[in-house]
Amino acid sequence: MMKELYLNGITKDKDLNCAETVLYVCNQNYQMNLSEDTMKLSSAFGGGMCIEDKCGALTAGLMCLGVSAKTQ
């Protein structure tokens, strides 16, 4: 389902980096109810934390796991 959300352009009209995209799609798919301000926190993780070191998509995936673990 997440792949379809991404491929169908759910983030197309937004200027998002890799971390923001993953968090945005997770928020939609898993109905995490994160606010726009909360999702903006992931912006600094894009591009490997802006130094091409740690994958932004991976760190956003960990954010999603952290939120889902907290809500259970």
C-alpha atoms as a PDB file:
ATOM      1  CA  MET A   1       0.000   0.000   0.000  1.00  0.00           C
ATOM      2  CA  MET A   2       2.797   2.452   0.812  1.00  0.00           C
ATOM      3  CA  LYS A   3       4.396   1.879  -2.564  1.00  0.00           C
ATOM      4  CA  GLU A   4       1.092   2.656  -4.267  1.00  0.00           C
ATOM      5  CA  LEU A   5       0.684   5.855  -2.245  1.00  0.00           C
ATOM      6  CA  TYR A   6       4.118   6.975  -3.336  1.00  0.00           C
ATOM      7  CA  LEU A   7       3.732   5.909  -6.969  1.00  0.00           C
ATOM      8  CA  ASN A   8       0.328   7.547  -7.238  1.00  0.00           C
ATOM      9  CA  GLY A   9       1.951  10.849  -6.374  1.00  0.00           C
ATOM     10  CA  ILE A  10       0.607  11.510  -2.869  1.00  0.00           C
ATOM     11  CA  THR A  11       3.754  13.571  -2.239  1.00  0.00           C
ATOM     12  CA  LYS A  12       4.078  14.906  -5.801  1.00  0.00           C
ATOM     13  CA  ASP A  13       2.917  18.454  -5.050  1.00  0.00           C
ATOM     14  CA  LYS A  14       5.129  18.754  -1.985  1.00  0.00           C
ATOM     15  CA  ASP A  15       8.809  19.642  -1.960  1.00  0.00           C
ATOM     16  CA  LEU A  16       9.980  16.798   0.278  1.00  0.00           C
ATOM     17  CA  ASN A  17      13.339  15.144   0.744  1.00  0.00           C
ATOM     18  CA  CYS A  18      13.722  11.381   1.175  1.00  0.00           C
ATOM     19  CA  ALA A  19      13.143  11.353   4.944  1.00  0.00           C
ATOM     20  CA  GLU A  20      10.100  13.614   4.729  1.00  0.00           C
ATOM     21  CA  THR A  21       8.631  11.476   1.946  1.00  0.00           C
ATOM     22  CA  VAL A  22       8.943   8.251   3.936  1.00  0.00           C
ATOM     23  CA  LEU A  23       7.443   9.832   7.059  1.00  0.00           C
ATOM     24  CA  TYR A  24       4.611  11.438   5.067  1.00  0.00           C
ATOM     25  CA  VAL A  25       3.696   8.137   3.361  1.00  0.00           C
ATOM     26  CA  CYS A  26       3.910   6.217   6.663  1.00  0.00           C
ATOM     27  CA  ASN A  27       1.687   8.822   8.302  1.00  0.00           C
ATOM     28  CA  GLN A  28      -0.919   8.368   5.575  1.00  0.00           C
ATOM     29  CA  ASN A  29      -0.676   4.576   5.340  1.00  0.00           C
ATOM     30  CA  TYR A  30      -0.656   3.785   9.047  1.00  0.00           C
ATOM     31  CA  GLN A  31      -2.950   6.662  10.067  1.00  0.00           C
ATOM     32  CA  MET A  32      -0.401   7.897  12.579  1.00  0.00           C
ATOM     33  CA  ASN A  33      -2.129  11.305  12.834  1.00  0.00           C
ATOM     34  CA  LEU A  34       1.139  13.239  12.930  1.00  0.00           C
ATOM     35  CA  SER A  35       0.752  16.982  12.542  1.00  0.00           C
ATOM     36  CA  GLU A  36       2.473  18.862   9.716  1.00  0.00           C
ATOM     37  CA  ASP A  37       4.774  20.486  12.295  1.00  0.00           C
ATOM     38  CA  THR A  38       5.756  17.086  13.673  1.00  0.00           C
ATOM     39  CA  MET A  39       6.498  15.766  10.202  1.00  0.00           C
ATOM     40  CA  LYS A  40       8.716  18.786   9.484  1.00  0.00           C
ATOM     41  CA  LEU A  41      11.109  17.485  12.151  1.00  0.00           C
ATOM     42  CA  SER A  42      12.272  14.872   9.630  1.00  0.00           C
ATOM     43  CA  SER A  43      13.522  17.522   7.189  1.00  0.00           C
ATOM     44  CA  ALA A  44      16.992  17.615   8.734  1.00  0.00           C
ATOM     45  CA  PHE A  45      17.440  13.888   8.117  1.00  0.00           C
ATOM     46  CA  GLY A  46      17.174  14.103   4.322  1.00  0.00           C
ATOM     47  CA  GLY A  47      20.294  13.624   2.245  1.00  0.00           C
ATOM     48  CA  GLY A  48      21.936  11.551   4.940  1.00  0.00           C
ATOM     49  CA  MET A  49      21.525  14.279   7.531  1.00  0.00           C
ATOM     50  CA  CYS A  50      22.696  16.742   4.860  1.00  0.00           C
ATOM     51  CA  ILE A  51      26.171  15.190   4.772  1.00  0.00           C
ATOM     52  CA  GLU A  52      25.323  12.016   2.862  1.00  0.00           C
ATOM     53  CA  ASP A  53      26.142   9.853   5.866  1.00  0.00           C
ATOM     54  CA  LYS A  54      23.039   8.081   7.206  1.00  0.00           C
ATOM     55  CA  CYS A  55      20.224   7.297   4.799  1.00  0.00           C
ATOM     56  CA  GLY A  56      17.297   9.683   5.313  1.00  0.00           C
ATOM     57  CA  ALA A  57      14.788   7.053   4.227  1.00  0.00           C
ATOM     58  CA  LEU A  58      16.167   4.665   6.846  1.00  0.00           C
ATOM     59  CA  THR A  59      16.111   7.229   9.652  1.00  0.00           C
ATOM     60  CA  ALA A  60      12.521   8.174   8.769  1.00  0.00           C
ATOM     61  CA  GLY A  61      11.604   4.486   8.829  1.00  0.00           C
ATOM     62  CA  LEU A  62      12.990   4.340  12.350  1.00  0.00           C
ATOM     63  CA  MET A  63      10.897   7.390  13.250  1.00  0.00           C
ATOM     64  CA  CYS A  64       7.809   5.537  12.034  1.00  0.00           C
ATOM     65  CA  LEU A  65       8.689   2.495  14.105  1.00  0.00           C
ATOM     66  CA  GLY A  66       9.238   4.705  17.139  1.00  0.00           C
ATOM     67  CA  VAL A  67       5.854   6.385  16.774  1.00  0.00           C
ATOM     68  CA  SER A  68       4.050   3.090  16.193  1.00  0.00           C
ATOM     69  CA  ALA A  69       5.733   1.494  19.222  1.00  0.00           C
ATOM     70  CA  LYS A  70       4.744   4.481  21.360  1.00  0.00           C
ATOM     71  CA  THR A  71       1.067   4.253  20.377  1.00  0.00           C
ATOM     72  CA  GLN A  72       0.648   0.565  21.163  1.00  0.00           C
END
